[in-house]
PDB file of all heavy atoms in Angstrom:
ATOM      1  N   TRP A   1      -5.869   4.897 -13.745  1.00  0.00           N
ATOM      2  CA  TRP A   1      -5.032   3.758 -13.347  1.00  0.00           C
ATOM      3  C   TRP A   1      -3.915   4.174 -12.380  1.00  0.00           C
ATOM      4  O   TRP A   1      -3.682   3.480 -11.380  1.00  0.00           O
ATOM      5  CB  TRP A   1      -4.461   3.028 -14.559  1.00  0.00           C
ATOM      6  CG  TRP A   1      -3.508   1.959 -14.146  1.00  0.00           C
ATOM      7  CD1 TRP A   1      -2.143   2.028 -14.131  1.00  0.00           C
ATOM      8  CD2 TRP A   1      -3.835   0.664 -13.618  1.00  0.00           C
ATOM      9  NE1 TRP A   1      -1.602   0.856 -13.639  1.00  0.00           N
ATOM     10  CE2 TRP A   1      -2.627   0.000 -13.312  1.00  0.00           C
ATOM     11  CE3 TRP A   1      -5.043   0.004 -13.359  1.00  0.00           C
ATOM     12  CZ2 TRP A   1      -2.572  -1.278 -12.785  1.00  0.00           C
ATOM     13  CZ3 TRP A   1      -4.998  -1.281 -12.825  1.00  0.00           C
ATOM     14  CH2 TRP A   1      -3.770  -1.904 -12.542  1.00  0.00           C
ATOM     15  N   PRO A   2      -3.198   5.286 -12.617  1.00  0.00           N
ATOM     16  CA  PRO A   2      -2.132   5.652 -11.671  1.00  0.00           C
ATOM     17  C   PRO A   2      -2.643   5.837 -10.232  1.00  0.00           C
ATOM     18  O   PRO A   2      -1.954   5.460  -9.278  1.00  0.00           O
ATOM     19  CB  PRO A   2      -1.565   6.964 -12.236  1.00  0.00           C
ATOM     20  CG  PRO A   2      -1.854   6.881 -13.706  1.00  0.00           C
ATOM     21  CD  PRO A   2      -3.201   6.192 -13.783  1.00  0.00           C
ATOM     22  N   ALA A   3      -3.835   6.381 -10.065  1.00  0.00           N
ATOM     23  CA  ALA A   3      -4.401   6.557  -8.725  1.00  0.00           C
ATOM     24  C   ALA A   3      -4.734   5.204  -8.102  1.00  0.00           C
ATOM     25  O   ALA A   3      -4.494   4.976  -6.905  1.00  0.00           O
ATOM     26  CB  ALA A   3      -5.642   7.440  -8.783  1.00  0.00           C
ATOM     27  N   PHE A   4      -5.274   4.300  -8.909  1.00  0.00           N
ATOM     28  CA  PHE A   4      -5.585   2.947  -8.442  1.00  0.00           C
ATOM     29  C   PHE A   4      -4.292   2.221  -8.045  1.00  0.00           C
ATOM     30  O   PHE A   4      -4.206   1.612  -6.977  1.00  0.00           O
ATOM     31  CB  PHE A   4      -6.315   2.180  -9.547  1.00  0.00           C
ATOM     32  CG  PHE A   4      -6.616   0.752  -9.207  1.00  0.00           C
ATOM     33  CD1 PHE A   4      -7.711   0.414  -8.425  1.00  0.00           C
ATOM     34  CD2 PHE A   4      -5.813  -0.281  -9.680  1.00  0.00           C
ATOM     35  CE1 PHE A   4      -7.989  -0.908  -8.116  1.00  0.00           C
ATOM     36  CE2 PHE A   4      -6.079  -1.598  -9.376  1.00  0.00           C
ATOM     37  CZ  PHE A   4      -7.168  -1.917  -8.593  1.00  0.00           C
ATOM     38  N   GLU A   5      -3.287   2.319  -8.891  1.00  0.00           N
ATOM     39  CA  GLU A   5      -1.998   1.677  -8.648  1.00  0.00           C
ATOM     40  C   GLU A   5      -1.355   2.201  -7.357  1.00  0.00           C
ATOM     41  O   GLU A   5      -0.828   1.437  -6.547  1.00  0.00           O
ATOM     42  CB  GLU A   5      -1.090   1.934  -9.849  1.00  0.00           C
ATOM     43  CG  GLU A   5       0.217   1.208  -9.832  1.00  0.00           C
ATOM     44  CD  GLU A   5       1.010   1.455 -11.103  1.00  0.00           C
ATOM     45  OE1 GLU A   5       0.901   2.553 -11.694  1.00  0.00           O
ATOM     46  OE2 GLU A   5       1.752   0.549 -11.488  1.00  0.00           O
ATOM     47  N   LYS A   6      -1.443   3.501  -7.143  1.00  0.00           N
ATOM     48  CA  LYS A   6      -0.892   4.096  -5.917  1.00  0.00           C
ATOM     49  C   LYS A   6      -1.658   3.604  -4.688  1.00  0.00           C
ATOM     50  O   LYS A   6      -1.061   3.281  -3.664  1.00  0.00           O
ATOM     51  CB  LYS A   6      -0.949   5.620  -6.013  1.00  0.00           C
ATOM     52  CG  LYS A   6      -0.369   6.316  -4.800  1.00  0.00           C
ATOM     53  CD  LYS A   6      -0.426   7.826  -4.947  1.00  0.00           C
ATOM     54  CE  LYS A   6       0.113   8.507  -3.697  1.00  0.00           C
ATOM     55  NZ  LYS A   6      -0.064   9.966  -3.756  1.00  0.00           N
ATOM     56  N   LEU A   7      -2.993   3.529  -4.788  1.00  0.00           N
ATOM     57  CA  LEU A   7      -3.817   3.043  -3.681  1.00  0.00           C
ATOM     58  C   LEU A   7      -3.438   1.608  -3.317  1.00  0.00           C
ATOM     59  O   LEU A   7      -3.283   1.275  -2.143  1.00  0.00           O
ATOM     60  CB  LEU A   7      -5.297   3.111  -4.053  1.00  0.00           C
ATOM     61  CG  LEU A   7      -6.284   2.467  -3.073  1.00  0.00           C
ATOM     62  CD1 LEU A   7      -6.285   3.201  -1.737  1.00  0.00           C
ATOM     63  CD2 LEU A   7      -7.685   2.424  -3.676  1.00  0.00           C
ATOM     64  N   PHE A   8      -3.256   0.752  -4.304  1.00  0.00           N
ATOM     65  CA  PHE A   8      -2.959  -0.655  -4.054  1.00  0.00           C
ATOM     66  C   PHE A   8      -1.514  -0.880  -3.623  1.00  0.00           C
ATOM     67  O   PHE A   8      -1.214  -1.904  -3.033  1.00  0.00           O
ATOM     68  CB  PHE A   8      -3.315  -1.496  -5.284  1.00  0.00           C
ATOM     69  CG  PHE A   8      -4.733  -1.995  -5.267  1.00  0.00           C
ATOM     70  CD1 PHE A   8      -5.787  -1.180  -4.907  1.00  0.00           C
ATOM     71  CD2 PHE A   8      -5.004  -3.294  -5.616  1.00  0.00           C
ATOM     72  CE1 PHE A   8      -7.087  -1.651  -4.883  1.00  0.00           C
ATOM     73  CE2 PHE A   8      -6.299  -3.786  -5.596  1.00  0.00           C
ATOM     74  CZ  PHE A   8      -7.347  -2.965  -5.228  1.00  0.00           C
ATOM     75  N   GLY A   9      -0.625   0.046  -3.930  1.00  0.00           N
ATOM     76  CA  GLY A   9       0.762  -0.053  -3.491  1.00  0.00           C
ATOM     77  C   GLY A   9       1.568  -1.095  -4.251  1.00  0.00           C
ATOM     78  O   GLY A   9       1.067  -1.759  -5.155  1.00  0.00           O
ATOM     79  N   LYS A  10       2.804  -1.234  -3.872  1.00  0.00           N
ATOM     80  CA  LYS A  10       3.720  -2.150  -4.575  1.00  0.00           C
ATOM     81  C   LYS A  10       3.265  -3.601  -4.502  1.00  0.00           C
ATOM     82  O   LYS A  10       3.486  -4.367  -5.428  1.00  0.00           O
ATOM     83  CB  LYS A  10       5.131  -2.030  -3.997  1.00  0.00           C
ATOM     84  CG  LYS A  10       5.811  -0.733  -4.340  1.00  0.00           C
ATOM     85  CD  LYS A  10       7.222  -0.685  -3.785  1.00  0.00           C
ATOM     86  CE  LYS A  10       7.848   0.656  -4.138  1.00  0.00           C
ATOM     87  NZ  LYS A  10       9.238   0.734  -3.710  1.00  0.00           N
ATOM     88  N   GLN A  11       2.644  -3.979  -3.387  1.00  0.00           N
ATOM     89  CA  GLN A  11       2.234  -5.378  -3.214  1.00  0.00           C
ATOM     90  C   GLN A  11       0.892  -5.696  -3.872  1.00  0.00           C
ATOM     91  O   GLN A  11       0.533  -6.860  -3.990  1.00  0.00           O
ATOM     92  CB  GLN A  11       2.173  -5.723  -1.726  1.00  0.00           C
ATOM     93  CG  GLN A  11       3.486  -5.568  -1.012  1.00  0.00           C
ATOM     94  CD  GLN A  11       4.591  -6.402  -1.636  1.00  0.00           C
ATOM     95  OE1 GLN A  11       4.401  -7.555  -1.982  1.00  0.00           O
ATOM     96  NE2 GLN A  11       5.757  -5.801  -1.809  1.00  0.00           N
ATOM     97  N   GLY A  12       0.144  -4.673  -4.255  1.00  0.00           N
ATOM     98  CA  GLY A  12      -1.133  -4.932  -4.918  1.00  0.00           C
ATOM     99  C   GLY A  12      -2.279  -5.225  -3.982  1.00  0.00           C
ATOM    100  O   GLY A  12      -3.179  -5.980  -4.326  1.00  0.00           O
ATOM    101  N   ALA A  13      -2.267  -4.633  -2.797  1.00  0.00           N
ATOM    102  CA  ALA A  13      -3.293  -4.874  -1.775  1.00  0.00           C
ATOM    103  C   ALA A  13      -3.439  -6.366  -1.528  1.00  0.00           C
ATOM    104  O   ALA A  13      -2.948  -7.179  -2.295  1.00  0.00           O
ATOM    105  CB  ALA A  13      -4.624  -4.245  -2.185  1.00  0.00           C
ATOM    106  N   CYS A  14      -4.044  -6.747  -0.496  1.00  0.00           N
ATOM    107  CA  CYS A  14      -4.384  -8.145  -0.198  1.00  0.00           C
ATOM    108  C   CYS A  14      -3.400  -9.170  -0.775  1.00  0.00           C
ATOM    109  O   CYS A  14      -3.777 -10.061  -1.543  1.00  0.00           O
ATOM    110  CB  CYS A  14      -5.802  -8.435  -0.662  1.00  0.00           C
ATOM    111  SG  CYS A  14      -7.011  -7.328   0.089  1.00  0.00           S
ATOM    112  N   ALA A  15      -2.128  -9.020  -0.465  1.00  0.00           N
ATOM    113  CA  ALA A  15      -1.085  -9.987  -0.833  1.00  0.00           C
ATOM    114  C   ALA A  15      -0.981 -10.233  -2.335  1.00  0.00           C
ATOM    115  O   ALA A  15      -0.883 -11.360  -2.789  1.00  0.00           O
ATOM    116  CB  ALA A  15      -1.286 -11.294  -0.080  1.00  0.00           C
ATOM    117  N   GLY A  16      -1.027  -9.168  -3.101  1.00  0.00           N
ATOM    118  CA  GLY A  16      -0.821  -9.288  -4.543  1.00  0.00           C
ATOM    119  C   GLY A  16      -2.039  -9.689  -5.342  1.00  0.00           C
ATOM    120  O   GLY A  16      -1.927 -10.111  -6.493  1.00  0.00           O
ATOM    121  N   CYS A  17      -3.212  -9.524  -4.791  1.00  0.00           N
ATOM    122  CA  CYS A  17      -4.441  -9.920  -5.470  1.00  0.00           C
ATOM    123  C   CYS A  17      -4.737  -9.057  -6.702  1.00  0.00           C
ATOM    124  O   CYS A  17      -5.171  -9.560  -7.724  1.00  0.00           O
ATOM    125  CB  CYS A  17      -5.617  -9.851  -4.498  1.00  0.00           C
ATOM    126  SG  CYS A  17      -7.202 -10.256  -5.251  1.00  0.00           S
ATOM    127  N   TRP A  18      -4.548  -7.758  -6.573  1.00  0.00           N
ATOM    128  CA  TRP A  18      -4.883  -6.818  -7.655  1.00  0.00           C
ATOM    129  C   TRP A  18      -6.318  -7.022  -8.149  1.00  0.00           C
ATOM    130  O   TRP A  18      -6.619  -6.866  -9.322  1.00  0.00           O
ATOM    131  CB  TRP A  18      -3.875  -6.895  -8.801  1.00  0.00           C
ATOM    132  CG  TRP A  18      -2.571  -6.288  -8.430  1.00  0.00           C
ATOM    133  CD1 TRP A  18      -1.455  -6.956  -7.999  1.00  0.00           C
ATOM    134  CD2 TRP A  18      -2.227  -4.901  -8.404  1.00  0.00           C
ATOM    135  NE1 TRP A  18      -0.453  -6.071  -7.709  1.00  0.00           N
ATOM    136  CE2 TRP A  18      -0.902  -4.794  -7.959  1.00  0.00           C
ATOM    137  CE3 TRP A  18      -2.923  -3.729  -8.725  1.00  0.00           C
ATOM    138  CZ2 TRP A  18      -0.240  -3.568  -7.811  1.00  0.00           C
ATOM    139  CZ3 TRP A  18      -2.285  -2.525  -8.584  1.00  0.00           C
ATOM    140  CH2 TRP A  18      -0.951  -2.447  -8.132  1.00  0.00           C
ATOM    141  N   CYS A  19      -7.198  -7.395  -7.243  1.00  0.00           N
ATOM    142  CA  CYS A  19      -8.635  -7.547  -7.530  1.00  0.00           C
ATOM    143  C   CYS A  19      -8.900  -8.573  -8.641  1.00  0.00           C
ATOM    144  O   CYS A  19      -9.740  -8.369  -9.507  1.00  0.00           O
ATOM    145  CB  CYS A  19      -9.280  -6.198  -7.835  1.00  0.00           C
ATOM    146  SG  CYS A  19     -10.859  -6.033  -6.983  1.00  0.00           S
ATOM    147  N   THR A  20      -8.179  -9.682  -8.575  1.00  0.00           N
ATOM    148  CA  THR A  20      -8.375 -10.743  -9.564  1.00  0.00           C
ATOM    149  C   THR A  20      -8.992 -12.010  -8.964  1.00  0.00           C
ATOM    150  O   THR A  20      -9.301 -12.949  -9.695  1.00  0.00           O
ATOM    151  CB  THR A  20      -7.032 -11.116 -10.239  1.00  0.00           C
ATOM    152  OG1 THR A  20      -6.114 -11.553  -9.237  1.00  0.00           O
ATOM    153  CG2 THR A  20      -6.458  -9.937 -11.008  1.00  0.00           C
ATOM    154  N   TYR A  21      -9.177 -12.043  -7.655  1.00  0.00           N
ATOM    155  CA  TYR A  21      -9.661 -13.248  -6.973  1.00  0.00           C
ATOM    156  C   TYR A  21     -10.943 -13.805  -7.591  1.00  0.00           C
ATOM    157  O   TYR A  21     -11.072 -15.004  -7.795  1.00  0.00           O
ATOM    158  CB  TYR A  21      -9.872 -12.950  -5.482  1.00  0.00           C
ATOM    159  CG  TYR A  21     -10.347 -14.133  -4.681  1.00  0.00           C
ATOM    160  CD1 TYR A  21      -9.464 -15.159  -4.363  1.00  0.00           C
ATOM    161  CD2 TYR A  21     -11.657 -14.219  -4.247  1.00  0.00           C
ATOM    162  CE1 TYR A  21      -9.893 -16.255  -3.621  1.00  0.00           C
ATOM    163  CE2 TYR A  21     -12.091 -15.312  -3.509  1.00  0.00           C
ATOM    164  CZ  TYR A  21     -11.215 -16.324  -3.199  1.00  0.00           C
ATOM    165  OH  TYR A  21     -11.638 -17.408  -2.476  1.00  0.00           O
ATOM    166  N   TRP A  22     -11.909 -12.954  -7.867  1.00  0.00           N
ATOM    167  CA  TRP A  22     -13.197 -13.399  -8.412  1.00  0.00           C
ATOM    168  C   TRP A  22     -13.161 -13.537  -9.936  1.00  0.00           C
ATOM    169  O   TRP A  22     -14.116 -13.988 -10.538  1.00  0.00           O
ATOM    170  CB  TRP A  22     -14.314 -12.432  -8.024  1.00  0.00           C
ATOM    171  CG  TRP A  22     -14.524 -12.299  -6.553  1.00  0.00           C
ATOM    172  CD1 TRP A  22     -14.310 -11.183  -5.801  1.00  0.00           C
ATOM    173  CD2 TRP A  22     -14.997 -13.294  -5.643  1.00  0.00           C
ATOM    174  NE1 TRP A  22     -14.612 -11.432  -4.485  1.00  0.00           N
ATOM    175  CE2 TRP A  22     -15.043 -12.718  -4.362  1.00  0.00           C
ATOM    176  CE3 TRP A  22     -15.392 -14.624  -5.788  1.00  0.00           C
ATOM    177  CZ2 TRP A  22     -15.468 -13.407  -3.236  1.00  0.00           C
ATOM    178  CZ3 TRP A  22     -15.808 -15.322  -4.665  1.00  0.00           C
ATOM    179  CH2 TRP A  22     -15.842 -14.708  -3.407  1.00  0.00           C
ATOM    180  N   ARG A  23     -12.066 -13.140 -10.552  1.00  0.00           N
ATOM    181  CA  ARG A  23     -11.994 -13.099 -12.014  1.00  0.00           C
ATOM    182  C   ARG A  23     -11.385 -14.335 -12.663  1.00  0.00           C
ATOM    183  O   ARG A  23     -11.507 -14.514 -13.857  1.00  0.00           O
ATOM    184  CB  ARG A  23     -11.208 -11.862 -12.453  1.00  0.00           C
ATOM    185  CG  ARG A  23     -11.930 -10.589 -12.126  1.00  0.00           C
ATOM    186  CD  ARG A  23     -11.183  -9.352 -12.593  1.00  0.00           C
ATOM    187  NE  ARG A  23     -12.009  -8.196 -12.353  1.00  0.00           N
ATOM    188  CZ  ARG A  23     -12.980  -7.787 -13.149  1.00  0.00           C
ATOM    189  NH1 ARG A  23     -13.218  -8.401 -14.262  1.00  0.00           N
ATOM    190  NH2 ARG A  23     -13.713  -6.733 -12.829  1.00  0.00           N
ATOM    191  N   MET A  24     -10.665 -15.147 -11.913  1.00  0.00           N
ATOM    192  CA  MET A  24      -9.992 -16.308 -12.517  1.00  0.00           C
ATOM    193  C   MET A  24     -10.074 -17.524 -11.610  1.00  0.00           C
ATOM    194  O   MET A  24     -10.198 -17.377 -10.394  1.00  0.00           O
ATOM    195  CB  MET A  24      -8.544 -15.969 -12.875  1.00  0.00           C
ATOM    196  CG  MET A  24      -7.700 -15.465 -11.740  1.00  0.00           C
ATOM    197  SD  MET A  24      -5.977 -15.075 -12.184  1.00  0.00           S
ATOM    198  CE  MET A  24      -6.123 -13.655 -13.223  1.00  0.00           C
ATOM    199  N   PRO A  25     -10.005 -18.728 -12.191  1.00  0.00           N
ATOM    200  CA  PRO A  25     -10.025 -19.946 -11.372  1.00  0.00           C
ATOM    201  C   PRO A  25      -8.906 -19.926 -10.337  1.00  0.00           C
ATOM    202  O   PRO A  25      -7.840 -19.346 -10.564  1.00  0.00           O
ATOM    203  CB  PRO A  25      -9.813 -21.065 -12.395  1.00  0.00           C
ATOM    204  CG  PRO A  25     -10.260 -20.488 -13.692  1.00  0.00           C
ATOM    205  CD  PRO A  25      -9.937 -19.014 -13.618  1.00  0.00           C
ATOM    206  N   ARG A  26      -9.138 -20.585  -9.222  1.00  0.00           N
ATOM    207  CA  ARG A  26      -8.224 -20.545  -8.084  1.00  0.00           C
ATOM    208  C   ARG A  26      -6.777 -20.891  -8.456  1.00  0.00           C
ATOM    209  O   ARG A  26      -5.844 -20.219  -8.039  1.00  0.00           O
ATOM    210  CB  ARG A  26      -8.736 -21.488  -6.979  1.00  0.00           C
ATOM    211  CG  ARG A  26      -7.886 -21.501  -5.733  1.00  0.00           C
ATOM    212  CD  ARG A  26      -7.884 -20.113  -5.093  1.00  0.00           C
ATOM    213  NE  ARG A  26      -6.929 -20.025  -4.024  1.00  0.00           N
ATOM    214  CZ  ARG A  26      -7.256 -19.748  -2.772  1.00  0.00           C
ATOM    215  NH1 ARG A  26      -8.506 -19.554  -2.438  1.00  0.00           N
ATOM    216  NH2 ARG A  26      -6.340 -19.657  -1.867  1.00  0.00           N
TER     217      ARG A  26
END
């Protein structure tokens, strides 16, 4: 997780998505 968190940065990649776009309703 720390490596993933560092890769995504403070903003969470893609404007704060944190790879949840496909996981929850819009």
